[in-house]
Amino acid sequence: MATTQFLFAGFGGQGILFSGKFLAYKGLKEDKQVSWLPSYGPEMRGGTASCSVIISDTPVGSPIVSKPDVLVAMNLPSLDKYEDTVVPGGIIFVDSTLIERKVKRDDVKVHYINATALANENNMPTLANMIIVGKVMAELGEFNEEGINAALSKVISARHADMLEFNLKALTLGKDN
């Protein structure tokens, strides 16, 4: 893997920070060096939220991701704001249920995932974020159940243990789409 810089962005309440935290814990459980830096507007739910994650084989010098290798855009303002920051040859994942426009760049790989629609169709309306994360991991060749289960058990509190299976199902749904 060497070093991969991720930027997750969307509205507050879409699970942006949770997605990043999950990926960071997965990296930790796989003995990688990680950085997780959440950022959200003063409005929180409904406002803007973003999360920078760096996963590396070597120590991470700075948690700032200004040129992501991977962008996950869960709303149009996020795609508008961050599309041009992705490195050439990078990957952009778009929730095509909420974002109708296509990515303008032709020097990046793009995946359009109907994440919000898939989440609603499968009775898991709050897990569109994890559907996209499943697709991200599948495309990067990082979808392994041991790391996923270890990370989920770390980021899902005991109080919400019933959500473990739903999150796993959402990740698998994303991988398979």
Protein backbone atom coordinates (compact mmCIF):
# COMPACT_ATOMS: atom_id res chain seq x y z
CA MET A 1 0.00 0.00 0.00
CA ALA A 2 2.85 2.43 0.78
CA THR A 3 0.83 5.58 1.60
CA THR A 4 -2.77 6.33 0.64
CA GLN A 5 -4.47 9.61 1.49
CA PHE A 6 -8.27 9.60 1.74
CA LEU A 7 -10.73 12.47 1.95
CA PHE A 8 -14.35 11.75 2.91
CA ALA A 9 -16.77 14.65 2.48
CA GLY A 10 -20.51 15.26 2.74
CA PHE A 11 -23.23 16.64 4.98
CA GLY A 12 -23.08 16.23 8.74
CA GLY A 13 -25.14 13.20 9.72
CA GLN A 14 -24.11 11.11 6.68
CA GLY A 15 -21.52 9.17 8.67
CA ILE A 16 -18.50 10.90 7.14
CA LEU A 17 -16.48 10.89 10.36
CA PHE A 18 -17.53 7.31 11.17
CA SER A 19 -16.34 6.15 7.73
CA GLY A 20 -12.95 7.70 8.28
CA LYS A 21 -12.66 6.36 11.79
CA PHE A 22 -13.55 2.86 10.58
CA LEU A 23 -10.90 2.98 7.86
CA ALA A 24 -8.30 4.31 10.32
CA TYR A 25 -9.03 1.53 12.83
CA LYS A 26 -8.86 -1.05 10.05
CA GLY A 27 -5.40 0.28 9.21
CA LEU A 28 -4.35 0.13 12.87
CA LYS A 29 -5.57 -3.45 13.19
CA GLU A 30 -3.45 -4.31 10.14
CA ASP A 31 -0.32 -2.75 11.72
CA LYS A 32 -0.29 0.32 9.48
CA GLN A 33 0.59 3.86 10.48
CA VAL A 34 -2.57 5.99 10.43
CA SER A 35 -3.86 9.49 10.83
CA TRP A 36 -7.52 10.48 11.22
CA LEU A 37 -8.48 14.16 11.17
CA PRO A 38 -12.19 15.07 11.35
CA SER A 39 -13.52 18.47 10.32
CA TYR A 40 -17.07 19.76 10.43
CA GLY A 41 -18.89 23.04 10.24
CA PRO A 42 -20.59 24.68 13.23
CA GLU A 43 -23.98 23.37 12.12
CA MET A 44 -22.98 19.69 12.61
CA ARG A 45 -26.00 17.73 11.34
CA GLY A 46 -26.87 19.14 7.95
CA GLY A 47 -23.70 21.24 7.80
CA THR A 48 -20.56 20.23 6.00
CA ALA A 49 -18.31 17.48 7.30
CA SER A 50 -15.05 16.07 6.03
CA CYS A 51 -12.53 13.62 7.30
CA SER A 52 -8.92 13.09 6.27
CA VAL A 53 -7.39 9.65 6.68
CA ILE A 54 -3.85 8.61 5.87
CA ILE A 55 -2.87 4.94 5.92
CA SER A 56 0.79 4.19 5.44
CA ASP A 57 3.53 1.61 5.83
CA THR A 58 5.76 4.37 7.25
CA PRO A 59 5.16 7.02 9.94
CA VAL A 60 2.73 9.78 8.95
CA GLY A 61 4.36 13.21 9.12
CA SER A 62 1.24 15.37 8.91
CA PRO A 63 -2.47 14.59 9.25
CA ILE A 64 -3.38 17.17 6.60
CA VAL A 65 -4.66 15.76 3.30
CA SER A 66 -4.53 18.48 0.67
CA LYS A 67 -4.07 16.18 -2.35
CA PRO A 68 -6.09 13.01 -1.73
CA ASP A 69 -5.46 9.79 -3.62
CA VAL A 70 -9.06 8.81 -2.89
CA LEU A 71 -12.04 11.16 -2.58
CA VAL A 72 -15.43 10.01 -1.33
CA ALA A 73 -18.03 12.67 -2.16
CA MET A 74 -21.45 12.12 -0.62
CA ASN A 75 -23.02 15.41 -1.72
CA LEU A 76 -22.68 17.92 -4.56
CA PRO A 77 -21.00 20.72 -2.55
CA SER A 78 -18.28 18.25 -1.55
CA LEU A 79 -17.67 17.12 -5.11
CA ASP A 80 -17.59 20.74 -6.26
CA LYS A 81 -15.12 21.69 -3.54
CA TYR A 82 -12.72 18.74 -3.65
CA GLU A 83 -12.82 17.28 -7.18
CA ASP A 84 -9.85 19.34 -8.35
CA THR A 85 -7.72 18.43 -5.31
CA VAL A 86 -7.50 14.71 -6.18
CA VAL A 87 -4.09 13.69 -7.52
CA PRO A 88 -3.94 12.73 -11.20
CA GLY A 89 -4.50 8.98 -11.36
CA GLY A 90 -6.50 9.12 -8.12
CA ILE A 91 -9.98 7.72 -7.55
CA ILE A 92 -13.24 9.54 -6.88
CA PHE A 93 -16.25 7.72 -5.40
CA VAL A 94 -19.55 9.54 -5.88
CA ASP A 95 -22.92 8.86 -4.23
CA SER A 96 -24.85 9.07 -7.51
CA THR A 97 -28.20 9.04 -5.69
CA LEU A 98 -27.48 12.52 -4.34
CA ILE A 99 -25.08 13.84 -6.99
CA GLU A 100 -26.47 14.03 -10.50
CA ARG A 101 -23.51 15.61 -12.28
CA LYS A 102 -20.56 13.68 -13.61
CA VAL A 103 -16.95 14.26 -12.60
CA LYS A 104 -15.40 16.73 -15.03
CA ARG A 105 -11.86 15.37 -14.91
CA ASP A 106 -10.58 12.63 -17.18
CA ASP A 107 -7.27 11.99 -15.39
CA VAL A 108 -8.90 10.19 -12.43
CA LYS A 109 -10.84 6.95 -12.10
CA VAL A 110 -14.47 7.49 -11.07
CA HIS A 111 -16.99 5.15 -9.45
CA TYR A 112 -20.65 6.19 -9.26
CA ILE A 113 -22.44 4.26 -6.52
CA ASN A 114 -26.17 4.62 -5.82
CA ALA A 115 -25.29 4.35 -2.14
CA THR A 116 -28.23 6.23 -0.64
CA ALA A 117 -30.74 4.38 -2.84
CA LEU A 118 -29.11 1.01 -2.06
CA ALA A 119 -29.17 1.80 1.65
CA ASN A 120 -32.87 2.69 1.52
CA GLU A 121 -33.76 -0.36 -0.60
CA ASN A 122 -32.01 -2.65 1.90
CA ASN A 123 -33.61 -1.18 5.03
CA MET A 124 -30.42 0.49 6.24
CA PRO A 125 -31.05 4.19 5.47
CA THR A 126 -28.19 5.43 7.66
CA LEU A 127 -25.50 3.25 6.09
CA ALA A 128 -24.92 4.72 2.62
CA ASN A 129 -21.49 5.74 3.89
CA MET A 130 -20.52 2.14 4.64
CA ILE A 131 -21.78 0.98 1.24
CA ILE A 132 -19.32 3.40 -0.37
CA VAL A 133 -16.54 2.34 2.02
CA GLY A 134 -17.14 -1.27 0.95
CA LYS A 135 -16.69 -0.22 -2.68
CA VAL A 136 -13.54 1.75 -1.80
CA MET A 137 -11.96 -1.23 -0.05
CA ALA A 138 -12.93 -3.59 -2.89
CA GLU A 139 -11.41 -1.30 -5.54
CA LEU A 140 -8.19 -0.92 -3.53
CA GLY A 141 -7.94 -4.65 -2.91
CA GLU A 142 -8.25 -4.06 0.84
CA PHE A 143 -11.52 -5.90 1.52
CA ASN A 144 -10.58 -8.57 4.06
CA GLU A 145 -13.03 -9.80 6.66
CA GLU A 146 -10.57 -10.13 9.51
CA GLY A 147 -9.55 -6.46 9.36
CA ILE A 148 -13.13 -5.37 8.77
CA ASN A 149 -14.52 -7.30 11.75
CA ALA A 150 -11.73 -6.06 14.03
CA ALA A 151 -12.32 -2.44 13.00
CA LEU A 152 -16.11 -2.66 13.27
CA SER A 153 -15.90 -4.10 16.76
CA LYS A 154 -13.72 -1.14 17.71
CA VAL A 155 -15.83 1.68 16.22
CA ILE A 156 -19.28 0.33 17.08
CA SER A 157 -19.97 0.74 20.78
CA ALA A 158 -21.36 -2.11 22.88
CA ARG A 159 -24.56 -0.11 23.20
CA HIS A 160 -25.02 -0.35 19.42
CA ALA A 161 -23.73 -3.91 18.99
CA ASP A 162 -26.88 -4.73 17.01
CA MET A 163 -25.51 -2.48 14.22
CA LEU A 164 -22.43 -4.66 13.66
CA GLU A 165 -24.22 -7.02 11.29
CA PHE A 166 -25.92 -4.16 9.41
CA ASN A 167 -22.57 -2.44 8.87
CA LEU A 168 -21.02 -5.67 7.64
CA LYS A 169 -23.96 -6.16 5.26
CA ALA A 170 -23.57 -2.57 3.98
CA LEU A 171 -19.83 -3.06 3.38
CA THR A 172 -20.50 -6.28 1.47
CA LEU A 173 -23.26 -4.60 -0.55
CA GLY A 174 -20.79 -1.90 -1.58
CA LYS A 175 -18.13 -4.44 -2.47
CA ASP A 176 -20.56 -6.32 -4.71
CA ASN A 177 -21.84 -3.24 -6.59
